[in-house]
PDB file of N, CA and C in Angstrom:
ATOM      1  N   UNK A   1     155.316 128.772 185.183  1.00  0.00           N
ATOM      2  CA  UNK A   1     156.028 129.720 184.347  1.00  0.00           C
ATOM      3  C   UNK A   1     157.498 129.768 184.748  1.00  0.00           C
ATOM      4  N   UNK A   2     158.329 129.828 183.733  1.00  0.00           N
ATOM      5  CA  UNK A   2     159.764 129.901 184.003  1.00  0.00           C
ATOM      6  C   UNK A   2     160.187 131.345 184.238  1.00  0.00           C
ATOM      7  N   UNK A   3     161.338 131.502 184.814  1.00  0.00           N
ATOM      8  CA  UNK A   3     161.830 132.859 185.067  1.00  0.00           C
ATOM      9  C   UNK A   3     162.203 133.562 183.763  1.00  0.00           C
ATOM     10  N   UNK A   4     162.493 132.778 182.713  1.00  0.00           N
ATOM     11  CA  UNK A   4     162.779 133.370 181.406  1.00  0.00           C
ATOM     12  C   UNK A   4     161.518 134.024 180.853  1.00  0.00           C
ATOM     13  N   UNK A   5     160.403 133.304 180.963  1.00  0.00           N
ATOM     14  CA  UNK A   5     159.111 133.831 180.516  1.00  0.00           C
ATOM     15  C   UNK A   5     158.771 135.110 181.271  1.00  0.00           C
ATOM     16  N   UNK A   6     158.943 135.080 182.571  1.00  0.00           N
ATOM     17  CA  UNK A   6     158.618 136.244 183.399  1.00  0.00           C
ATOM     18  C   UNK A   6     159.500 137.445 183.059  1.00  0.00           C
ATOM     19  N   UNK A   7     160.776 137.207 182.801  1.00  0.00           N
ATOM     20  CA  UNK A   7     161.693 138.292 182.446  1.00  0.00           C
ATOM     21  C   UNK A   7     161.324 138.899 181.096  1.00  0.00           C
ATOM     22  N   UNK A   8     161.059 138.058 180.106  1.00  0.00           N
ATOM     23  CA  UNK A   8     160.664 138.546 178.783  1.00  0.00           C
ATOM     24  C   UNK A   8     159.349 139.301 178.888  1.00  0.00           C
ATOM     25  N   UNK A   9     158.401 138.768 179.627  1.00  0.00           N
ATOM     26  CA  UNK A   9     157.107 139.431 179.802  1.00  0.00           C
ATOM     27  C   UNK A   9     157.276 140.805 180.450  1.00  0.00           C
ATOM     28  N   UNK A  10     158.134 140.908 181.451  1.00  0.00           N
ATOM     29  CA  UNK A  10     158.385 142.185 182.114  1.00  0.00           C
ATOM     30  C   UNK A  10     158.902 143.228 181.126  1.00  0.00           C
ATOM     31  N   UNK A  11     159.902 142.845 180.311  1.00  0.00           N
ATOM     32  CA  UNK A  11     160.495 143.794 179.375  1.00  0.00           C
ATOM     33  C   UNK A  11     159.529 144.197 178.265  1.00  0.00           C
ATOM     34  N   UNK A  12     158.809 143.237 177.712  1.00  0.00           N
ATOM     35  CA  UNK A  12     157.861 143.558 176.630  1.00  0.00           C
ATOM     36  C   UNK A  12     156.732 144.418 177.172  1.00  0.00           C
ATOM     37  N   UNK A  13     156.258 144.114 178.365  1.00  0.00           N
ATOM     38  CA  UNK A  13     155.195 144.895 178.987  1.00  0.00           C
ATOM     39  C   UNK A  13     155.604 146.361 179.144  1.00  0.00           C
ATOM     40  N   UNK A  14     156.859 146.595 179.493  1.00  0.00           N
ATOM     41  CA  UNK A  14     157.330 147.969 179.682  1.00  0.00           C
ATOM     42  C   UNK A  14     157.697 148.665 178.369  1.00  0.00           C
ATOM     43  N   UNK A  15     157.953 147.905 177.316  1.00  0.00           N
ATOM     44  CA  UNK A  15     158.253 148.498 176.013  1.00  0.00           C
ATOM     45  C   UNK A  15     157.002 148.984 175.299  1.00  0.00           C
ATOM     46  N   UNK A  16     155.898 148.270 175.468  1.00  0.00           N
ATOM     47  CA  UNK A  16     154.673 148.580 174.731  1.00  0.00           C
ATOM     48  C   UNK A  16     153.741 149.448 175.559  1.00  0.00           C
ATOM     49  N   UNK A  17     152.944 150.255 174.852  1.00  0.00           N
ATOM     50  CA  UNK A  17     152.000 151.147 175.518  1.00  0.00           C
ATOM     51  C   UNK A  17     150.831 150.384 176.126  1.00  0.00           C
ATOM     52  N   UNK A  18     150.327 149.391 175.404  1.00  0.00           N
ATOM     53  CA  UNK A  18     149.166 148.639 175.840  1.00  0.00           C
ATOM     54  C   UNK A  18     149.538 147.173 176.053  1.00  0.00           C
ATOM     55  N   UNK A  19     149.090 146.605 177.151  1.00  0.00           N
ATOM     56  CA  UNK A  19     149.388 145.202 177.426  1.00  0.00           C
ATOM     57  C   UNK A  19     148.445 144.263 176.685  1.00  0.00           C
ATOM     58  N   UNK A  20     147.482 144.814 175.960  1.00  0.00           N
ATOM     59  CA  UNK A  20     146.517 144.004 175.229  1.00  0.00           C
ATOM     60  C   UNK A  20     146.991 143.649 173.826  1.00  0.00           C
ATOM     61  N   UNK A  21     148.071 144.274 173.352  1.00  0.00           N
ATOM     62  CA  UNK A  21     148.515 144.095 171.974  1.00  0.00           C
ATOM     63  C   UNK A  21     149.561 143.002 171.794  1.00  0.00           C
ATOM     64  N   UNK A  22     149.780 142.178 172.797  1.00  0.00           N
ATOM     65  CA  UNK A  22     150.795 141.132 172.647  1.00  0.00           C
ATOM     66  C   UNK A  22     150.435 139.911 173.487  1.00  0.00           C
ATOM     67  N   UNK A  23     150.992 138.782 173.077  1.00  0.00           N
ATOM     68  CA  UNK A  23     150.920 137.556 173.864  1.00  0.00           C
ATOM     69  C   UNK A  23     152.299 136.904 173.824  1.00  0.00           C
ATOM     70  N   UNK A  24     152.611 136.167 174.846  1.00  0.00           N
ATOM     71  CA  UNK A  24     153.890 135.467 174.908  1.00  0.00           C
ATOM     72  C   UNK A  24     153.608 134.000 175.193  1.00  0.00           C
ATOM     73  N   UNK A  25     154.230 133.137 174.396  1.00  0.00           N
ATOM     74  CA  UNK A  25     154.080 131.692 174.574  1.00  0.00           C
ATOM     75  C   UNK A  25     155.443 131.105 174.915  1.00  0.00           C
ATOM     76  N   UNK A  26     155.448 130.167 175.830  1.00  0.00           N
ATOM     77  CA  UNK A  26     156.690 129.513 176.232  1.00  0.00           C
ATOM     78  C   UNK A  26     156.521 128.006 176.150  1.00  0.00           C
ATOM     79  N   UNK A  27     157.512 127.342 175.586  1.00  0.00           N
ATOM     80  CA  UNK A  27     157.489 125.890 175.445  1.00  0.00           C
ATOM     81  C   UNK A  27     158.840 125.356 175.905  1.00  0.00           C
ATOM     82  N   UNK A  28     158.830 124.522 176.934  1.00  0.00           N
ATOM     83  CA  UNK A  28     160.080 124.013 177.496  1.00  0.00           C
ATOM     84  C   UNK A  28     160.155 122.501 177.290  1.00  0.00           C
ATOM     85  N   UNK A  29     161.247 122.069 176.656  1.00  0.00           N
ATOM     86  CA  UNK A  29     161.496 120.639 176.439  1.00  0.00           C
ATOM     87  C   UNK A  29     162.921 120.340 176.873  1.00  0.00           C
ATOM     88  N   UNK A  30     163.045 119.755 178.030  1.00  0.00           N
ATOM     89  CA  UNK A  30     164.372 119.430 178.543  1.00  0.00           C
ATOM     90  C   UNK A  30     165.181 120.685 178.793  1.00  0.00           C
ATOM     91  N   UNK A  31     166.335 120.769 178.129  1.00  0.00           N
ATOM     92  CA  UNK A  31     167.186 121.946 178.327  1.00  0.00           C
ATOM     93  C   UNK A  31     166.895 123.057 177.321  1.00  0.00           C
ATOM     94  N   UNK A  32     165.922 122.850 176.425  1.00  0.00           N
ATOM     95  CA  UNK A  32     165.575 123.851 175.416  1.00  0.00           C
ATOM     96  C   UNK A  32     164.286 124.577 175.788  1.00  0.00           C
ATOM     97  N   UNK A  33     164.323 125.897 175.676  1.00  0.00           N
ATOM     98  CA  UNK A  33     163.156 126.722 175.955  1.00  0.00           C
ATOM     99  C   UNK A  33     162.910 127.609 174.741  1.00  0.00           C
ATOM    100  N   UNK A  34     161.701 127.527 174.185  1.00  0.00           N
ATOM    101  CA  UNK A  34     161.308 128.385 173.059  1.00  0.00           C
ATOM    102  C   UNK A  34     160.303 129.402 173.562  1.00  0.00           C
ATOM    103  N   UNK A  35     160.596 130.682 173.337  1.00  0.00           N
ATOM    104  CA  UNK A  35     159.690 131.754 173.724  1.00  0.00           C
ATOM    105  C   UNK A  35     159.299 132.505 172.461  1.00  0.00           C
ATOM    106  N   UNK A  36     157.987 132.642 172.241  1.00  0.00           N
ATOM    107  CA  UNK A  36     157.476 133.353 171.078  1.00  0.00           C
ATOM    108  C   UNK A  36     156.702 134.573 171.555  1.00  0.00           C
ATOM    109  N   UNK A  37     157.080 135.736 171.034  1.00  0.00           N
ATOM    110  CA  UNK A  37     156.397 136.987 171.351  1.00  0.00           C
ATOM    111  C   UNK A  37     155.540 137.340 170.142  1.00  0.00           C
ATOM    112  N   UNK A  38     154.222 137.357 170.320  1.00  0.00           N
ATOM    113  CA  UNK A  38     153.290 137.736 169.257  1.00  0.00           C
ATOM    114  C   UNK A  38     152.843 139.169 169.515  1.00  0.00           C
ATOM    115  N   UNK A  39     153.188 140.077 168.595  1.00  0.00           N
ATOM    116  CA  UNK A  39     152.830 141.481 168.776  1.00  0.00           C
ATOM    117  C   UNK A  39     152.078 141.992 167.551  1.00  0.00           C
ATOM    118  N   UNK A  40     151.324 143.064 167.751  1.00  0.00           N
ATOM    119  CA  UNK A  40     150.622 143.705 166.651  1.00  0.00           C
ATOM    120  C   UNK A  40     151.636 144.335 165.706  1.00  0.00           C
ATOM    121  N   UNK A  41     151.249 144.473 164.453  1.00  0.00           N
ATOM    122  CA  UNK A  41     152.158 144.984 163.424  1.00  0.00           C
ATOM    123  C   UNK A  41     152.723 146.356 163.784  1.00  0.00           C
ATOM    124  N   UNK A  42     151.889 147.220 164.344  1.00  0.00           N
ATOM    125  CA  UNK A  42     152.340 148.580 164.662  1.00  0.00           C
ATOM    126  C   UNK A  42     153.309 148.626 165.846  1.00  0.00           C
ATOM    127  N   UNK A  43     153.342 147.578 166.665  1.00  0.00           N
ATOM    128  CA  UNK A  43     154.249 147.532 167.810  1.00  0.00           C
ATOM    129  C   UNK A  43     155.512 146.709 167.551  1.00  0.00           C
ATOM    130  N   UNK A  44     155.624 146.148 166.364  1.00  0.00           N
ATOM    131  CA  UNK A  44     156.768 145.292 166.037  1.00  0.00           C
ATOM    132  C   UNK A  44     158.086 146.057 166.183  1.00  0.00           C
ATOM    133  N   UNK A  45     158.128 147.294 165.734  1.00  0.00           N
ATOM    134  CA  UNK A  45     159.350 148.096 165.813  1.00  0.00           C
ATOM    135  C   UNK A  45     159.783 148.399 167.233  1.00  0.00           C
ATOM    136  N   UNK A  46     158.823 148.518 168.140  1.00  0.00           N
ATOM    137  CA  UNK A  46     159.157 148.795 169.538  1.00  0.00           C
ATOM    138  C   UNK A  46     159.856 147.606 170.187  1.00  0.00           C
ATOM    139  N   UNK A  47     159.475 146.412 169.797  1.00  0.00           N
ATOM    140  CA  UNK A  47     160.073 145.209 170.377  1.00  0.00           C
ATOM    141  C   UNK A  47     161.420 144.902 169.730  1.00  0.00           C
ATOM    142  N   UNK A  48     161.502 145.085 168.412  1.00  0.00           N
ATOM    143  CA  UNK A  48     162.744 144.774 167.702  1.00  0.00           C
ATOM    144  C   UNK A  48     163.785 145.864 167.908  1.00  0.00           C
ATOM    145  N   UNK A  49     163.381 147.111 167.828  1.00  0.00           N
ATOM    146  CA  UNK A  49     164.301 148.224 168.009  1.00  0.00           C
ATOM    147  C   UNK A  49     165.053 148.563 166.734  1.00  0.00           C
ATOM    148  N   UNK A  50     165.761 149.663 166.763  1.00  0.00           N
ATOM    149  CA  UNK A  50     166.529 150.110 165.604  1.00  0.00           C
ATOM    150  C   UNK A  50     167.680 149.142 165.358  1.00  0.00           C
ATOM    151  N   UNK A  51     167.728 148.612 164.147  1.00  0.00           N
ATOM    152  CA  UNK A  51     168.729 147.608 163.750  1.00  0.00           C
ATOM    153  C   UNK A  51     168.709 146.368 164.645  1.00  0.00           C
ATOM    154  N   UNK A  52     167.574 146.093 165.287  1.00  0.00           N
ATOM    155  CA  UNK A  52     167.444 144.895 166.104  1.00  0.00           C
ATOM    156  C   UNK A  52     168.127 144.968 167.449  1.00  0.00           C
ATOM    157  N   UNK A  53     168.431 146.154 167.911  1.00  0.00           N
ATOM    158  CA  UNK A  53     169.199 146.293 169.155  1.00  0.00           C
ATOM    159  C   UNK A  53     168.445 145.846 170.394  1.00  0.00           C
ATOM    160  N   UNK A  54     167.148 146.141 170.470  1.00  0.00           N
ATOM    161  CA  UNK A  54     166.387 145.794 171.678  1.00  0.00           C
ATOM    162  C   UNK A  54     166.219 144.284 171.794  1.00  0.00           C
ATOM    163  N   UNK A  55     165.791 143.627 170.716  1.00  0.00           N
ATOM    164  CA  UNK A  55     165.583 142.180 170.783  1.00  0.00           C
ATOM    165  C   UNK A  55     166.914 141.445 170.971  1.00  0.00           C
ATOM    166  N   UNK A  56     167.978 141.972 170.387  1.00  0.00           N
ATOM    167  CA  UNK A  56     169.296 141.367 170.572  1.00  0.00           C
ATOM    168  C   UNK A  56     169.734 141.479 172.033  1.00  0.00           C
ATOM    169  N   UNK A  57     169.515 142.625 172.636  1.00  0.00           N
ATOM    170  CA  UNK A  57     169.867 142.810 174.047  1.00  0.00           C
ATOM    171  C   UNK A  57     169.058 141.883 174.942  1.00  0.00           C
ATOM    172  N   UNK A  58     167.777 141.725 174.625  1.00  0.00           N
ATOM    173  CA  UNK A  58     166.927 140.829 175.403  1.00  0.00           C
ATOM    174  C   UNK A  58     167.390 139.382 175.271  1.00  0.00           C
ATOM    175  N   UNK A  59     167.772 138.987 174.051  1.00  0.00           N
ATOM    176  CA  UNK A  59     168.286 137.630 173.828  1.00  0.00           C
ATOM    177  C   UNK A  59     169.584 137.384 174.592  1.00  0.00           C
ATOM    178  N   UNK A  60     170.474 138.369 174.615  1.00  0.00           N
ATOM    179  CA  UNK A  60     171.746 138.241 175.341  1.00  0.00           C
ATOM    180  C   UNK A  60     171.481 138.127 176.846  1.00  0.00           C
ATOM    181  N   UNK A  61     170.571 138.931 177.359  1.00  0.00           N
ATOM    182  CA  UNK A  61     170.224 138.885 178.782  1.00  0.00           C
ATOM    183  C   UNK A  61     169.675 137.514 179.171  1.00  0.00           C
ATOM    184  N   UNK A  62     168.719 137.023 178.404  1.00  0.00           N
ATOM    185  CA  UNK A  62     168.105 135.735 178.706  1.00  0.00           C
ATOM    186  C   UNK A  62     169.113 134.593 178.541  1.00  0.00           C
ATOM    187  N   UNK A  63     169.972 134.685 177.531  1.00  0.00           N
ATOM    188  CA  UNK A  63     170.994 133.647 177.328  1.00  0.00           C
ATOM    189  C   UNK A  63     171.964 133.580 178.501  1.00  0.00           C
ATOM    190  N   UNK A  64     172.329 134.739 179.029  1.00  0.00           N
ATOM    191  CA  UNK A  64     173.253 134.738 180.173  1.00  0.00           C
ATOM    192  C   UNK A  64     172.591 134.137 181.418  1.00  0.00           C
ATOM    193  N   UNK A  65     171.294 134.367 181.585  1.00  0.00           N
ATOM    194  CA  UNK A  65     170.580 133.730 182.688  1.00  0.00           C
ATOM    195  C   UNK A  65     170.495 132.218 182.485  1.00  0.00           C
ATOM    196  N   UNK A  66     170.276 131.807 181.248  1.00  0.00           N
ATOM    197  CA  UNK A  66     170.088 130.386 180.936  1.00  0.00           C
ATOM    198  C   UNK A  66     171.387 129.589 181.046  1.00  0.00           C
ATOM    199  N   UNK A  67     172.521 130.214 180.783  1.00  0.00           N
ATOM    200  CA  UNK A  67     173.803 129.505 180.843  1.00  0.00           C
ATOM    201  C   UNK A  67     174.096 128.984 182.236  1.00  0.00           C
ATOM    202  N   UNK A  68     173.645 129.691 183.250  1.00  0.00           N
ATOM    203  CA  UNK A  68     173.856 129.249 184.623  1.00  0.00           C
ATOM    204  C   UNK A  68     173.163 127.916 184.886  1.00  0.00           C
ATOM    205  N   UNK A  69     172.035 127.698 184.222  1.00  0.00           N
ATOM    206  CA  UNK A  69     171.269 126.464 184.400  1.00  0.00           C
ATOM    207  C   UNK A  69     171.499 125.482 183.255  1.00  0.00           C
ATOM    208  N   UNK A  70     172.468 125.783 182.394  1.00  0.00           N
ATOM    209  CA  UNK A  70     172.802 124.938 181.241  1.00  0.00           C
ATOM    210  C   UNK A  70     171.588 124.690 180.347  1.00  0.00           C
ATOM    211  N   UNK A  71     170.875 125.783 180.040  1.00  0.00           N
ATOM    212  CA  UNK A  71     169.717 125.710 179.160  1.00  0.00           C
ATOM    213  C   UNK A  71     169.965 126.572 177.928  1.00  0.00           C
ATOM    214  N   UNK A  72     169.198 126.299 176.883  1.00  0.00           N
ATOM    215  CA  UNK A  72     169.269 127.063 175.644  1.00  0.00           C
ATOM    216  C   UNK A  72     167.904 127.707 175.426  1.00  0.00           C
ATOM    217  N   UNK A  73     167.875 129.031 175.335  1.00  0.00           N
ATOM    218  CA  UNK A  73     166.619 129.758 175.157  1.00  0.00           C
ATOM    219  C   UNK A  73     166.609 130.430 173.803  1.00  0.00           C
ATOM    220  N   UNK A  74     165.543 130.237 173.048  1.00  0.00           N
ATOM    221  CA  UNK A  74     165.365 130.851 171.741  1.00  0.00           C
ATOM    222  C   UNK A  74     164.166 131.791 171.841  1.00  0.00           C
ATOM    223  N   UNK A  75     164.376 133.054 171.463  1.00  0.00           N
ATOM    224  CA  UNK A  75     163.299 134.042 171.493  1.00  0.00           C
ATOM    225  C   UNK A  75     162.981 134.435 170.054  1.00  0.00           C
ATOM    226  N   UNK A  76     161.694 134.358 169.716  1.00  0.00           N
ATOM    227  CA  UNK A  76     161.242 134.673 168.367  1.00  0.00           C
ATOM    228  C   UNK A  76     160.118 135.711 168.466  1.00  0.00           C
ATOM    229  N   UNK A  77     160.126 136.668 167.542  1.00  0.00           N
ATOM    230  CA  UNK A  77     159.079 137.687 167.492  1.00  0.00           C
ATOM    231  C   UNK A  77     158.243 137.471 166.240  1.00  0.00           C
ATOM    232  N   UNK A  78     156.925 137.382 166.426  1.00  0.00           N
ATOM    233  CA  UNK A  78     156.008 137.175 165.305  1.00  0.00           C
ATOM    234  C   UNK A  78     154.921 138.224 165.323  1.00  0.00           C
ATOM    235  N   UNK A  79     154.359 138.466 164.137  1.00  0.00           N
ATOM    236  CA  UNK A  79     153.249 139.400 164.007  1.00  0.00           C
ATOM    237  C   UNK A  79     151.943 138.675 164.298  1.00  0.00           C
ATOM    238  N   UNK A  80     151.061 139.324 165.071  1.00  0.00           N
ATOM    239  CA  UNK A  80     149.753 138.726 165.411  1.00  0.00           C
ATOM    240  C   UNK A  80     148.835 138.762 164.237  1.00  0.00           C
TER     241      UNK A  80
END
């Protein structure tokens, strides 16, 4: 597991009430890392936030970590 996966998992785990309502998938190919967060429909708003502020902040945080290692991380949120 990459540190990006662990960081995203930590934040999503603390945002949601139940840890059973989501899964996170990570796919790393060279310098590109794709992270997909699958959440239940009722928890989608908790992850995205008002006007997308929470997911945007998470993307900025992960991007700043990835720049040090010259990697590109894409975070996507999907409904389970």
